[in-house]
Amino acid sequence: MKTFDRVEKAFYTSIILSGIILAIGIVFLQTRLLQVQSEMAKVNQEISQKQVEINDAKQAANELLRSARLMEIAEKAGLSFNNDNIGVAE
């Protein structure tokens, strides 16, 4: 059986250490990638929720601006409804 000299031992030890460090690095990067993907999913969910809230608010604003609704409010307040006095704000 052949024995290894110092140079061979150092070479093989460096290969083994490099493999271990590489494996640890890969595990770390995959873990970090999963964390980032999880955070992205949360942000996308929040964006979707805010978009739904915006759409609901637009729907409510449109509902309040309908002519029939405005006439109803004017009549309840004892006012007359005049379309010429209505302006659209954007």
N, C-alpha and C. Protein backbone atom coordinates (compact mmCIF):
# COMPACT_ATOMS: atom_id res chain seq x y z
N MET A 1 0.84 -1.18 0.00
CA MET A 1 0.00 0.00 0.00
C MET A 1 0.88 1.24 0.00
N LYS A 2 0.50 2.19 -0.82
CA LYS A 2 1.31 3.39 -0.98
C LYS A 2 0.92 4.42 0.08
N THR A 3 1.90 5.07 0.66
CA THR A 3 1.65 6.14 1.62
C THR A 3 1.76 7.47 0.88
N PHE A 4 1.01 8.44 1.37
CA PHE A 4 1.00 9.76 0.73
C PHE A 4 2.05 10.65 1.37
N ASP A 5 2.74 11.43 0.55
CA ASP A 5 3.70 12.38 1.11
C ASP A 5 2.96 13.68 1.45
N ARG A 6 3.66 14.66 1.94
CA ARG A 6 3.03 15.90 2.44
C ARG A 6 2.28 16.65 1.34
N VAL A 7 2.82 16.74 0.18
CA VAL A 7 2.20 17.49 -0.92
C VAL A 7 0.89 16.82 -1.31
N GLU A 8 0.89 15.51 -1.41
CA GLU A 8 -0.33 14.79 -1.77
C GLU A 8 -1.40 14.96 -0.69
N LYS A 9 -0.98 14.86 0.57
CA LYS A 9 -1.94 15.04 1.67
C LYS A 9 -2.54 16.46 1.63
N ALA A 10 -1.72 17.45 1.40
CA ALA A 10 -2.21 18.83 1.34
C ALA A 10 -3.16 19.00 0.16
N PHE A 11 -2.83 18.40 -0.98
CA PHE A 11 -3.67 18.48 -2.17
C PHE A 11 -5.04 17.85 -1.92
N TYR A 12 -5.04 16.64 -1.40
CA TYR A 12 -6.31 15.95 -1.16
C TYR A 12 -7.14 16.63 -0.07
N THR A 13 -6.44 17.14 0.94
CA THR A 13 -7.14 17.87 2.01
C THR A 13 -7.79 19.14 1.44
N SER A 14 -7.08 19.84 0.57
CA SER A 14 -7.65 21.06 -0.01
C SER A 14 -8.84 20.74 -0.91
N ILE A 15 -8.80 19.62 -1.62
CA ILE A 15 -9.94 19.21 -2.45
C ILE A 15 -11.14 18.90 -1.57
N ILE A 16 -10.93 18.17 -0.49
CA ILE A 16 -12.03 17.82 0.41
C ILE A 16 -12.61 19.07 1.06
N LEU A 17 -11.75 19.97 1.53
CA LEU A 17 -12.23 21.21 2.15
C LEU A 17 -12.99 22.07 1.13
N SER A 18 -12.49 22.13 -0.08
CA SER A 18 -13.19 22.89 -1.13
C SER A 18 -14.57 22.32 -1.38
N GLY A 19 -14.68 21.00 -1.42
CA GLY A 19 -15.98 20.35 -1.62
C GLY A 19 -16.94 20.66 -0.49
N ILE A 20 -16.45 20.61 0.74
CA ILE A 20 -17.30 20.89 1.90
C ILE A 20 -17.76 22.35 1.87
N ILE A 21 -16.84 23.27 1.59
CA ILE A 21 -17.19 24.69 1.54
C ILE A 21 -18.18 24.95 0.42
N LEU A 22 -17.98 24.31 -0.72
CA LEU A 22 -18.90 24.47 -1.85
C LEU A 22 -20.29 23.95 -1.49
N ALA A 23 -20.36 22.81 -0.81
CA ALA A 23 -21.66 22.25 -0.42
C ALA A 23 -22.37 23.19 0.56
N ILE A 24 -21.64 23.72 1.52
CA ILE A 24 -22.24 24.65 2.49
C ILE A 24 -22.72 25.91 1.78
N GLY A 25 -21.93 26.40 0.84
CA GLY A 25 -22.33 27.59 0.08
C GLY A 25 -23.59 27.36 -0.72
N ILE A 26 -23.71 26.20 -1.35
CA ILE A 26 -24.91 25.88 -2.13
C ILE A 26 -26.13 25.82 -1.24
N VAL A 27 -26.01 25.18 -0.09
CA VAL A 27 -27.14 25.10 0.84
C VAL A 27 -27.54 26.49 1.31
N PHE A 28 -26.57 27.33 1.63
CA PHE A 28 -26.86 28.70 2.07
C PHE A 28 -27.59 29.48 0.97
N LEU A 29 -27.09 29.39 -0.26
CA LEU A 29 -27.71 30.13 -1.36
C LEU A 29 -29.13 29.64 -1.65
N GLN A 30 -29.35 28.34 -1.57
CA GLN A 30 -30.70 27.83 -1.80
C GLN A 30 -31.65 28.27 -0.70
N THR A 31 -31.17 28.30 0.53
CA THR A 31 -32.00 28.77 1.64
C THR A 31 -32.35 30.24 1.45
N ARG A 32 -31.38 31.03 1.07
CA ARG A 32 -31.63 32.46 0.84
C ARG A 32 -32.60 32.67 -0.33
N LEU A 33 -32.46 31.86 -1.37
CA LEU A 33 -33.36 31.94 -2.51
C LEU A 33 -34.80 31.65 -2.09
N LEU A 34 -34.99 30.65 -1.25
CA LEU A 34 -36.33 30.33 -0.77
C LEU A 34 -36.90 31.47 0.07
N GLN A 35 -36.06 32.11 0.87
CA GLN A 35 -36.52 33.25 1.67
C GLN A 35 -36.96 34.40 0.77
N VAL A 36 -36.18 34.69 -0.25
CA VAL A 36 -36.52 35.78 -1.18
C VAL A 36 -37.81 35.46 -1.93
N GLN A 37 -37.97 34.21 -2.37
CA GLN A 37 -39.19 33.82 -3.06
C GLN A 37 -40.40 33.95 -2.15
N SER A 38 -40.24 33.60 -0.88
CA SER A 38 -41.33 33.73 0.08
C SER A 38 -41.70 35.20 0.27
N GLU A 39 -40.70 36.06 0.39
CA GLU A 39 -40.96 37.49 0.55
C GLU A 39 -41.64 38.06 -0.70
N MET A 40 -41.22 37.61 -1.87
CA MET A 40 -41.84 38.07 -3.11
C MET A 40 -43.30 37.64 -3.18
N ALA A 41 -43.59 36.43 -2.73
CA ALA A 41 -44.98 35.96 -2.74
C ALA A 41 -45.83 36.82 -1.81
N LYS A 42 -45.29 37.18 -0.65
CA LYS A 42 -46.03 38.04 0.28
C LYS A 42 -46.28 39.41 -0.33
N VAL A 43 -45.26 39.99 -0.96
CA VAL A 43 -45.41 41.31 -1.58
C VAL A 43 -46.44 41.25 -2.71
N ASN A 44 -46.38 40.20 -3.53
CA ASN A 44 -47.35 40.07 -4.62
C ASN A 44 -48.77 39.92 -4.08
N GLN A 45 -48.91 39.22 -2.97
CA GLN A 45 -50.22 39.06 -2.35
C GLN A 45 -50.73 40.42 -1.84
N GLU A 46 -49.84 41.20 -1.23
CA GLU A 46 -50.22 42.53 -0.76
C GLU A 46 -50.61 43.44 -1.93
N ILE A 47 -49.87 43.34 -3.03
CA ILE A 47 -50.19 44.15 -4.21
C ILE A 47 -51.57 43.78 -4.73
N SER A 48 -51.85 42.49 -4.79
CA SER A 48 -53.16 42.04 -5.27
C SER A 48 -54.27 42.54 -4.36
N GLN A 49 -54.02 42.47 -3.05
CA GLN A 49 -55.02 42.93 -2.09
C GLN A 49 -55.27 44.43 -2.25
N LYS A 50 -54.21 45.21 -2.42
CA LYS A 50 -54.36 46.65 -2.60
C LYS A 50 -55.08 46.96 -3.91
N GLN A 51 -54.82 46.17 -4.95
CA GLN A 51 -55.50 46.38 -6.23
C GLN A 51 -56.99 46.14 -6.08
N VAL A 52 -57.35 45.11 -5.30
CA VAL A 52 -58.77 44.84 -5.05
C VAL A 52 -59.39 46.01 -4.29
N GLU A 53 -58.67 46.55 -3.29
CA GLU A 53 -59.18 47.69 -2.53
C GLU A 53 -59.36 48.91 -3.44
N ILE A 54 -58.42 49.13 -4.34
CA ILE A 54 -58.53 50.26 -5.28
C ILE A 54 -59.75 50.08 -6.17
N ASN A 55 -59.92 48.88 -6.70
CA ASN A 55 -61.08 48.61 -7.56
C ASN A 55 -62.39 48.79 -6.81
N ASP A 56 -62.43 48.34 -5.55
CA ASP A 56 -63.63 48.52 -4.74
C ASP A 56 -63.92 50.01 -4.51
N ALA A 57 -62.86 50.79 -4.25
CA ALA A 57 -63.04 52.23 -4.04
C ALA A 57 -63.53 52.91 -5.31
N LYS A 58 -62.99 52.50 -6.46
CA LYS A 58 -63.46 53.07 -7.73
C LYS A 58 -64.93 52.73 -7.97
N GLN A 59 -65.29 51.49 -7.65
CA GLN A 59 -66.68 51.07 -7.82
C GLN A 59 -67.60 51.88 -6.91
N ALA A 60 -67.17 52.10 -5.67
CA ALA A 60 -67.98 52.89 -4.74
C ALA A 60 -68.11 54.33 -5.23
N ALA A 61 -67.02 54.90 -5.74
CA ALA A 61 -67.07 56.27 -6.27
C ALA A 61 -68.01 56.35 -7.46
N ASN A 62 -67.93 55.39 -8.35
CA ASN A 62 -68.83 55.38 -9.50
C ASN A 62 -70.29 55.24 -9.07
N GLU A 63 -70.52 54.44 -8.05
CA GLU A 63 -71.88 54.25 -7.54
C GLU A 63 -72.43 55.56 -6.97
N LEU A 64 -71.56 56.30 -6.28
CA LEU A 64 -72.00 57.57 -5.69
C LEU A 64 -72.23 58.65 -6.75
N LEU A 65 -71.60 58.53 -7.90
CA LEU A 65 -71.70 59.56 -8.92
C LEU A 65 -72.78 59.29 -9.96
N ARG A 66 -73.49 58.22 -9.83
CA ARG A 66 -74.58 57.95 -10.78
C ARG A 66 -75.62 59.06 -10.70
N SER A 67 -76.22 59.40 -11.83
CA SER A 67 -77.21 60.48 -11.87
C SER A 67 -78.40 60.19 -10.97
N ALA A 68 -78.89 58.96 -10.99
CA ALA A 68 -80.04 58.61 -10.16
C ALA A 68 -79.71 58.79 -8.69
N ARG A 69 -78.50 58.42 -8.32
CA ARG A 69 -78.08 58.55 -6.92
C ARG A 69 -77.98 60.03 -6.56
N LEU A 70 -77.44 60.84 -7.46
CA LEU A 70 -77.32 62.27 -7.18
C LEU A 70 -78.69 62.94 -7.08
N MET A 71 -79.63 62.55 -7.94
CA MET A 71 -80.99 63.10 -7.85
C MET A 71 -81.64 62.72 -6.53
N GLU A 72 -81.42 61.49 -6.10
CA GLU A 72 -82.00 61.03 -4.84
C GLU A 72 -81.46 61.85 -3.67
N ILE A 73 -80.15 62.08 -3.67
CA ILE A 73 -79.54 62.87 -2.60
C ILE A 73 -80.05 64.31 -2.64
N ALA A 74 -80.16 64.89 -3.84
CA ALA A 74 -80.65 66.26 -3.98
C ALA A 74 -82.09 66.38 -3.49
N GLU A 75 -82.93 65.42 -3.84
CA GLU A 75 -84.33 65.47 -3.40
C GLU A 75 -84.44 65.34 -1.89
N LYS A 76 -83.61 64.48 -1.29
CA LYS A 76 -83.65 64.33 0.17
C LYS A 76 -83.24 65.62 0.86
N ALA A 77 -82.34 66.36 0.23
CA ALA A 77 -81.87 67.61 0.82
C ALA A 77 -82.75 68.79 0.43
N GLY A 78 -83.80 68.54 -0.35
CA GLY A 78 -84.69 69.60 -0.77
C GLY A 78 -84.09 70.48 -1.86
N LEU A 79 -83.21 69.94 -2.64
CA LEU A 79 -82.56 70.69 -3.71
C LEU A 79 -83.03 70.19 -5.06
N SER A 80 -82.74 70.97 -6.07
CA SER A 80 -83.07 70.52 -7.43
C SER A 80 -81.79 70.03 -8.09
N PHE A 81 -81.95 69.10 -8.99
CA PHE A 81 -80.82 68.49 -9.67
C PHE A 81 -80.66 69.12 -11.04
N ASN A 82 -79.50 69.73 -11.31
CA ASN A 82 -79.25 70.40 -12.57
C ASN A 82 -77.97 69.82 -13.17
N ASN A 83 -78.09 69.07 -14.27
CA ASN A 83 -76.94 68.44 -14.91
C ASN A 83 -75.89 69.44 -15.38
N ASP A 84 -76.31 70.66 -15.71
CA ASP A 84 -75.36 71.66 -16.21
C ASP A 84 -74.36 72.09 -15.14
N ASN A 85 -74.69 71.88 -13.89
CA ASN A 85 -73.80 72.29 -12.80
C ASN A 85 -72.85 71.19 -12.37
N ILE A 86 -72.90 70.06 -13.05
CA ILE A 86 -72.06 68.93 -12.65
C ILE A 86 -70.79 68.94 -13.48
N GLY A 87 -69.65 68.85 -12.80
CA GLY A 87 -68.36 68.77 -13.48
C GLY A 87 -67.68 67.46 -13.12
N VAL A 88 -66.77 67.04 -13.96
CA VAL A 88 -66.05 65.79 -13.73
C VAL A 88 -64.62 66.13 -13.35
N ALA A 89 -64.19 65.62 -12.23
CA ALA A 89 -62.81 65.82 -11.78
C ALA A 89 -62.01 64.56 -12.06
N GLU A 90 -60.78 64.76 -12.48
CA GLU A 90 -59.93 63.60 -12.76
C GLU A 90 -58.67 63.67 -11.95
